[in-house]
Amino acid sequence: MPLSRERIYEALRQCYDPEIPVNIVDLGLIYEVQHDDAGNVTVKMTLTSQGCPSALAIPEQVKERVAAIEEVRDIDVQIVWEPAWNPSMISPAGRQQLGLDL
């Protein structure tokens, strides 16, 4: 099966901030995903804050989950702070899981 954005996002949906019971995609932490035919993947993401206690664990989770896709040869996880994350970035599914705006 060829590498696709959908497969990468499926892997990313298996990653969680341990303090928030919503995956990092629905939490709005993933800003950009790129890949090429050689299996190189770049994920630009943020964290809920610069002082996030899981600042090392979450990117490591991302690397592990995406690297588990057979066609992935290399993964580069880039943490960015612009735009700054805020709760409005949470998807409707994530908001529902958290009981927000019901």
C-alpha atoms as a PDB file:
ATOM      1  CA  MET A   1       0.000   0.000   0.000  1.00  0.00           C
ATOM      2  CA  PRO A   2       1.507   3.379  -0.951  1.00  0.00           C
ATOM      3  CA  LEU A   3       2.361   5.974   1.662  1.00  0.00           C
ATOM      4  CA  SER A   4      -0.357   8.607   1.943  1.00  0.00           C
ATOM      5  CA  ARG A   5      -1.334  11.545   4.124  1.00  0.00           C
ATOM      6  CA  GLU A   6      -4.326   9.537   5.299  1.00  0.00           C
ATOM      7  CA  ARG A   7      -2.124   6.702   6.578  1.00  0.00           C
ATOM      8  CA  ILE A   8       0.175   9.175   8.326  1.00  0.00           C
ATOM      9  CA  TYR A   9      -2.786  10.920   9.959  1.00  0.00           C
ATOM     10  CA  GLU A  10      -4.149   7.530  11.013  1.00  0.00           C
ATOM     11  CA  ALA A  11      -0.848   6.892  12.826  1.00  0.00           C
ATOM     12  CA  LEU A  12      -0.902  10.380  14.360  1.00  0.00           C
ATOM     13  CA  ARG A  13      -4.407   9.751  15.719  1.00  0.00           C
ATOM     14  CA  GLN A  14      -2.826   7.056  17.899  1.00  0.00           C
ATOM     15  CA  CYS A  15      -0.718   9.688  19.716  1.00  0.00           C
ATOM     16  CA  TYR A  16      -1.994  11.390  22.852  1.00  0.00           C
ATOM     17  CA  ASP A  17      -0.973  14.095  25.265  1.00  0.00           C
ATOM     18  CA  PRO A  18      -1.022  12.051  28.497  1.00  0.00           C
ATOM     19  CA  GLU A  19      -2.876  14.841  30.298  1.00  0.00           C
ATOM     20  CA  ILE A  20      -5.671  15.201  27.713  1.00  0.00           C
ATOM     21  CA  PRO A  21      -7.770  12.225  26.532  1.00  0.00           C
ATOM     22  CA  VAL A  22      -7.915  13.409  22.896  1.00  0.00           C
ATOM     23  CA  ASN A  23      -5.504  12.413  20.128  1.00  0.00           C
ATOM     24  CA  ILE A  24      -3.053  15.075  18.938  1.00  0.00           C
ATOM     25  CA  VAL A  25      -4.765  15.459  15.544  1.00  0.00           C
ATOM     26  CA  ASP A  26      -8.166  16.264  17.073  1.00  0.00           C
ATOM     27  CA  LEU A  27      -6.414  18.376  19.692  1.00  0.00           C
ATOM     28  CA  GLY A  28      -5.152  20.572  16.840  1.00  0.00           C
ATOM     29  CA  LEU A  29      -1.443  20.028  17.477  1.00  0.00           C
ATOM     30  CA  ILE A  30      -0.594  18.891  13.928  1.00  0.00           C
ATOM     31  CA  TYR A  31      -0.010  21.828  11.598  1.00  0.00           C
ATOM     32  CA  GLU A  32       1.450  20.181   8.505  1.00  0.00           C
ATOM     33  CA  VAL A  33       2.333  16.720   7.175  1.00  0.00           C
ATOM     34  CA  GLN A  34       4.456  16.177   4.076  1.00  0.00           C
ATOM     35  CA  HIS A  35       5.915  13.049   2.515  1.00  0.00           C
ATOM     36  CA  ASP A  36       7.741  12.050  -0.629  1.00  0.00           C
ATOM     37  CA  ASP A  37       7.905   8.899  -2.742  1.00  0.00           C
ATOM     38  CA  ALA A  38      11.121   7.824  -0.995  1.00  0.00           C
ATOM     39  CA  GLY A  39       9.292   7.497   2.337  1.00  0.00           C
ATOM     40  CA  ASN A  40      10.577  10.669   3.974  1.00  0.00           C
ATOM     41  CA  VAL A  41       7.989  12.282   6.249  1.00  0.00           C
ATOM     42  CA  THR A  42       7.983  15.715   7.857  1.00  0.00           C
ATOM     43  CA  VAL A  43       5.503  16.580  10.600  1.00  0.00           C
ATOM     44  CA  LYS A  44       5.189  20.169  11.789  1.00  0.00           C
ATOM     45  CA  MET A  45       3.408  20.289  15.090  1.00  0.00           C
ATOM     46  CA  THR A  46       3.073  22.273  18.267  1.00  0.00           C
ATOM     47  CA  LEU A  47       2.349  21.537  21.899  1.00  0.00           C
ATOM     48  CA  THR A  48      -0.325  23.016  24.135  1.00  0.00           C
ATOM     49  CA  SER A  49       2.326  25.219  25.766  1.00  0.00           C
ATOM     50  CA  GLN A  50       6.074  25.759  25.666  1.00  0.00           C
ATOM     51  CA  GLY A  51       6.239  24.433  29.226  1.00  0.00           C
ATOM     52  CA  CYS A  52       4.338  21.249  28.362  1.00  0.00           C
ATOM     53  CA  PRO A  53       5.538  18.458  30.679  1.00  0.00           C
ATOM     54  CA  SER A  54       5.254  15.999  27.760  1.00  0.00           C
ATOM     55  CA  ALA A  55       7.414  18.106  25.418  1.00  0.00           C
ATOM     56  CA  LEU A  56       9.808  15.198  24.849  1.00  0.00           C
ATOM     57  CA  ALA A  57       7.345  12.316  25.046  1.00  0.00           C
ATOM     58  CA  ILE A  58       4.796  13.509  22.463  1.00  0.00           C
ATOM     59  CA  PRO A  59       7.258  14.063  19.577  1.00  0.00           C
ATOM     60  CA  GLU A  60       8.844  10.702  20.396  1.00  0.00           C
ATOM     61  CA  GLN A  61       5.403   9.077  20.201  1.00  0.00           C
ATOM     62  CA  VAL A  62       4.886  10.740  16.812  1.00  0.00           C
ATOM     63  CA  LYS A  63       8.190   9.369  15.526  1.00  0.00           C
ATOM     64  CA  GLU A  64       7.402   5.855  16.765  1.00  0.00           C
ATOM     65  CA  ARG A  65       3.875   5.711  15.357  1.00  0.00           C
ATOM     66  CA  VAL A  66       4.738   7.165  11.954  1.00  0.00           C
ATOM     67  CA  ALA A  67       7.920   5.079  11.675  1.00  0.00           C
ATOM     68  CA  ALA A  68       5.761   1.974  12.192  1.00  0.00           C
ATOM     69  CA  ILE A  69       4.275   2.552   8.725  1.00  0.00           C
ATOM     70  CA  GLU A  70       6.211   0.129   6.540  1.00  0.00           C
ATOM     71  CA  GLU A  71       6.909   2.595   3.715  1.00  0.00           C
ATOM     72  CA  VAL A  72       8.344   5.298   5.994  1.00  0.00           C
ATOM     73  CA  ARG A  73      12.130   5.509   5.767  1.00  0.00           C
ATOM     74  CA  ASP A  74      12.767   8.723   7.742  1.00  0.00           C
ATOM     75  CA  ILE A  75      10.682  11.035   9.887  1.00  0.00           C
ATOM     76  CA  ASP A  76      11.459  14.604  10.869  1.00  0.00           C
ATOM     77  CA  VAL A  77       9.283  16.043  13.641  1.00  0.00           C
ATOM     78  CA  GLN A  78       9.485  19.817  13.876  1.00  0.00           C
ATOM     79  CA  ILE A  79       8.057  21.608  16.900  1.00  0.00           C
ATOM     80  CA  VAL A  80       6.849  25.103  15.999  1.00  0.00           C
ATOM     81  CA  TRP A  81       5.306  27.789  18.188  1.00  0.00           C
ATOM     82  CA  GLU A  82       3.638  29.928  15.522  1.00  0.00           C
ATOM     83  CA  PRO A  83       0.748  30.027  15.429  1.00  0.00           C
ATOM     84  CA  ALA A  84       0.432  29.456  19.140  1.00  0.00           C
ATOM     85  CA  TRP A  85      -1.958  26.650  20.022  1.00  0.00           C
ATOM     86  CA  ASN A  86      -5.256  27.588  21.623  1.00  0.00           C
ATOM     87  CA  PRO A  87      -8.418  25.624  22.464  1.00  0.00           C
ATOM     88  CA  SER A  88     -10.238  26.865  19.340  1.00  0.00           C
ATOM     89  CA  MET A  89      -7.951  24.536  17.339  1.00  0.00           C
ATOM     90  CA  ILE A  90      -9.593  21.442  18.839  1.00  0.00           C
ATOM     91  CA  SER A  91     -11.699  19.615  16.246  1.00  0.00           C
ATOM     92  CA  PRO A  92     -15.461  19.175  16.736  1.00  0.00           C
ATOM     93  CA  ALA A  93     -14.840  15.484  17.591  1.00  0.00           C
ATOM     94  CA  GLY A  94     -12.223  16.477  20.171  1.00  0.00           C
ATOM     95  CA  ARG A  95     -14.509  19.129  21.643  1.00  0.00           C
ATOM     96  CA  GLN A  96     -17.240  16.526  22.004  1.00  0.00           C
ATOM     97  CA  GLN A  97     -14.845  14.109  23.741  1.00  0.00           C
ATOM     98  CA  LEU A  98     -13.867  16.844  26.182  1.00  0.00           C
ATOM     99  CA  GLY A  99     -17.474  17.889  26.778  1.00  0.00           C
ATOM    100  CA  LEU A 100     -16.916  21.387  25.376  1.00  0.00           C
ATOM    101  CA  ASP A 101     -19.647  23.403  23.662  1.00  0.00           C
ATOM    102  CA  LEU A 102     -22.335  20.801  24.179  1.00  0.00           C
END
